[in-house]
N, C-alpha and C. Protein backbone atom coordinates (compact mmCIF):
# COMPACT_ATOMS: atom_id res chain seq x y z
N UNK A 1 97.16 113.13 81.95
CA UNK A 1 97.60 114.46 82.26
C UNK A 1 99.13 114.46 82.40
N UNK A 2 99.74 115.41 81.73
CA UNK A 2 101.20 115.54 81.78
C UNK A 2 101.58 116.99 82.04
N UNK A 3 102.73 117.19 82.61
CA UNK A 3 103.22 118.55 82.86
C UNK A 3 103.39 119.30 81.55
N UNK A 4 103.03 120.59 81.57
CA UNK A 4 103.15 121.42 80.39
C UNK A 4 101.91 121.45 79.53
N UNK A 5 100.91 120.68 79.88
CA UNK A 5 99.68 120.61 79.10
C UNK A 5 98.76 121.78 79.43
N UNK A 6 98.29 122.54 78.41
CA UNK A 6 97.33 123.61 78.66
C UNK A 6 95.94 123.03 78.93
N UNK A 7 95.26 123.57 79.94
CA UNK A 7 93.92 123.11 80.32
C UNK A 7 93.05 124.30 80.70
N UNK A 8 91.74 124.05 80.77
CA UNK A 8 90.78 125.03 81.27
C UNK A 8 90.01 124.38 82.40
N UNK A 9 89.72 125.15 83.43
CA UNK A 9 88.91 124.66 84.53
C UNK A 9 87.44 124.70 84.13
N UNK A 10 86.71 123.63 84.42
CA UNK A 10 85.29 123.56 84.08
C UNK A 10 84.47 124.57 84.86
N UNK A 11 84.81 124.78 86.12
CA UNK A 11 84.01 125.63 86.99
C UNK A 11 84.11 127.11 86.64
N UNK A 12 85.32 127.60 86.38
CA UNK A 12 85.50 129.04 86.15
C UNK A 12 85.88 129.40 84.73
N UNK A 13 86.34 128.43 83.94
CA UNK A 13 86.75 128.71 82.58
C UNK A 13 88.15 129.29 82.47
N UNK A 14 88.85 129.39 83.61
CA UNK A 14 90.21 129.92 83.59
C UNK A 14 91.15 128.94 82.90
N UNK A 15 92.09 129.47 82.12
CA UNK A 15 93.07 128.65 81.44
C UNK A 15 94.37 128.63 82.23
N UNK A 16 95.06 127.51 82.19
CA UNK A 16 96.32 127.38 82.90
C UNK A 16 97.16 126.26 82.33
N UNK A 17 98.30 126.03 82.95
CA UNK A 17 99.25 125.00 82.53
C UNK A 17 99.48 124.04 83.70
N UNK A 18 99.45 122.75 83.42
CA UNK A 18 99.76 121.76 84.45
C UNK A 18 101.25 121.82 84.73
N UNK A 19 101.62 121.95 86.00
CA UNK A 19 103.05 121.97 86.32
C UNK A 19 103.48 120.86 87.26
N UNK A 20 102.52 120.13 87.85
CA UNK A 20 102.88 119.01 88.71
C UNK A 20 101.73 118.01 88.77
N UNK A 21 102.09 116.73 88.72
CA UNK A 21 101.10 115.65 88.85
C UNK A 21 101.62 114.69 89.90
N UNK A 22 100.81 114.47 90.95
CA UNK A 22 101.16 113.55 92.03
C UNK A 22 100.06 112.51 92.18
N UNK A 23 100.16 111.39 91.47
CA UNK A 23 99.14 110.34 91.59
C UNK A 23 99.04 109.83 93.02
N UNK A 24 97.85 109.44 93.42
CA UNK A 24 97.66 108.87 94.75
C UNK A 24 97.30 109.89 95.82
N UNK A 25 97.22 111.17 95.46
CA UNK A 25 96.82 112.19 96.42
C UNK A 25 95.38 112.61 96.15
N UNK A 26 94.75 113.31 97.09
CA UNK A 26 93.36 113.71 96.92
C UNK A 26 93.18 114.64 95.72
N UNK A 27 94.06 115.61 95.55
CA UNK A 27 94.03 116.53 94.41
C UNK A 27 95.37 116.39 93.69
N UNK A 28 95.46 115.45 92.74
CA UNK A 28 96.75 115.10 92.16
C UNK A 28 97.33 116.08 91.15
N UNK A 29 96.55 117.01 90.64
CA UNK A 29 97.03 117.89 89.58
C UNK A 29 97.16 119.32 90.09
N UNK A 30 98.32 119.93 89.85
CA UNK A 30 98.52 121.34 90.20
C UNK A 30 98.63 122.15 88.92
N UNK A 31 97.90 123.26 88.88
CA UNK A 31 97.83 124.10 87.69
C UNK A 31 98.27 125.51 88.03
N UNK A 32 99.02 126.12 87.14
CA UNK A 32 99.43 127.51 87.29
C UNK A 32 98.55 128.35 86.37
N UNK A 33 97.79 129.28 86.96
CA UNK A 33 96.86 130.13 86.22
C UNK A 33 97.37 131.57 86.26
N UNK A 34 97.42 132.22 85.13
CA UNK A 34 97.84 133.62 85.00
C UNK A 34 99.25 133.88 85.55
N UNK A 35 100.08 132.86 85.58
CA UNK A 35 101.46 133.03 85.99
C UNK A 35 101.70 133.21 87.47
N UNK A 36 100.64 133.38 88.28
CA UNK A 36 100.87 133.61 89.72
C UNK A 36 99.88 132.88 90.63
N UNK A 37 98.81 132.36 90.09
CA UNK A 37 97.78 131.70 90.89
C UNK A 37 97.93 130.18 90.76
N UNK A 38 97.99 129.48 91.88
CA UNK A 38 98.19 128.03 91.91
C UNK A 38 96.90 127.36 92.35
N UNK A 39 96.47 126.33 91.59
CA UNK A 39 95.24 125.61 91.90
C UNK A 39 95.53 124.12 91.93
N UNK A 40 94.96 123.42 92.93
CA UNK A 40 95.05 121.97 93.00
C UNK A 40 93.67 121.42 92.67
N UNK A 41 93.61 120.39 91.81
CA UNK A 41 92.32 119.82 91.44
C UNK A 41 92.49 118.39 90.95
N UNK A 42 91.38 117.80 90.54
CA UNK A 42 91.40 116.46 89.97
C UNK A 42 91.29 116.57 88.45
N UNK A 43 91.54 115.47 87.79
CA UNK A 43 91.47 115.45 86.33
C UNK A 43 90.05 115.74 85.84
N UNK A 44 89.06 115.34 86.60
CA UNK A 44 87.66 115.55 86.22
C UNK A 44 87.25 117.02 86.24
N UNK A 45 88.02 117.88 86.92
CA UNK A 45 87.66 119.29 87.05
C UNK A 45 88.20 120.15 85.91
N UNK A 46 88.86 119.53 84.93
CA UNK A 46 89.44 120.33 83.85
C UNK A 46 89.17 119.74 82.48
N UNK A 47 89.36 120.59 81.48
CA UNK A 47 89.19 120.23 80.08
C UNK A 47 90.52 120.46 79.38
N UNK A 48 90.95 119.50 78.57
CA UNK A 48 92.19 119.67 77.80
C UNK A 48 91.96 120.71 76.71
N UNK A 49 92.94 121.57 76.50
CA UNK A 49 92.90 122.56 75.43
C UNK A 49 93.86 122.13 74.33
N UNK A 50 93.53 122.40 73.08
CA UNK A 50 94.51 122.12 72.02
C UNK A 50 95.76 122.97 72.24
N UNK A 51 96.93 122.39 72.02
CA UNK A 51 98.18 123.12 72.24
C UNK A 51 98.30 124.34 71.35
N UNK A 52 97.73 124.31 70.14
CA UNK A 52 97.85 125.45 69.24
C UNK A 52 97.02 126.65 69.70
N UNK A 53 96.01 126.43 70.54
CA UNK A 53 95.17 127.50 71.06
C UNK A 53 95.53 127.90 72.49
N UNK A 54 96.63 127.42 73.01
CA UNK A 54 96.98 127.65 74.41
C UNK A 54 97.21 129.12 74.72
N UNK A 55 97.69 129.90 73.76
CA UNK A 55 97.96 131.31 74.02
C UNK A 55 96.71 132.17 73.94
N UNK A 56 95.62 131.63 73.42
CA UNK A 56 94.38 132.39 73.30
C UNK A 56 93.45 132.07 74.44
N UNK A 57 92.77 133.09 74.97
CA UNK A 57 91.75 132.89 76.02
C UNK A 57 90.45 133.45 75.56
């Protein structure tokens, strides 16, 4: 997982962008969804999206 990578959450299907990764914490990945909603999760809770489809939901 790297910053700037488009992902989708497995639980809700919401698409977002990874903006921070902090290894060694309980929820190491922070995602920005819809430009204003911030979510913390693990790598197992998301699916990588192809970069060319990032603008489509």
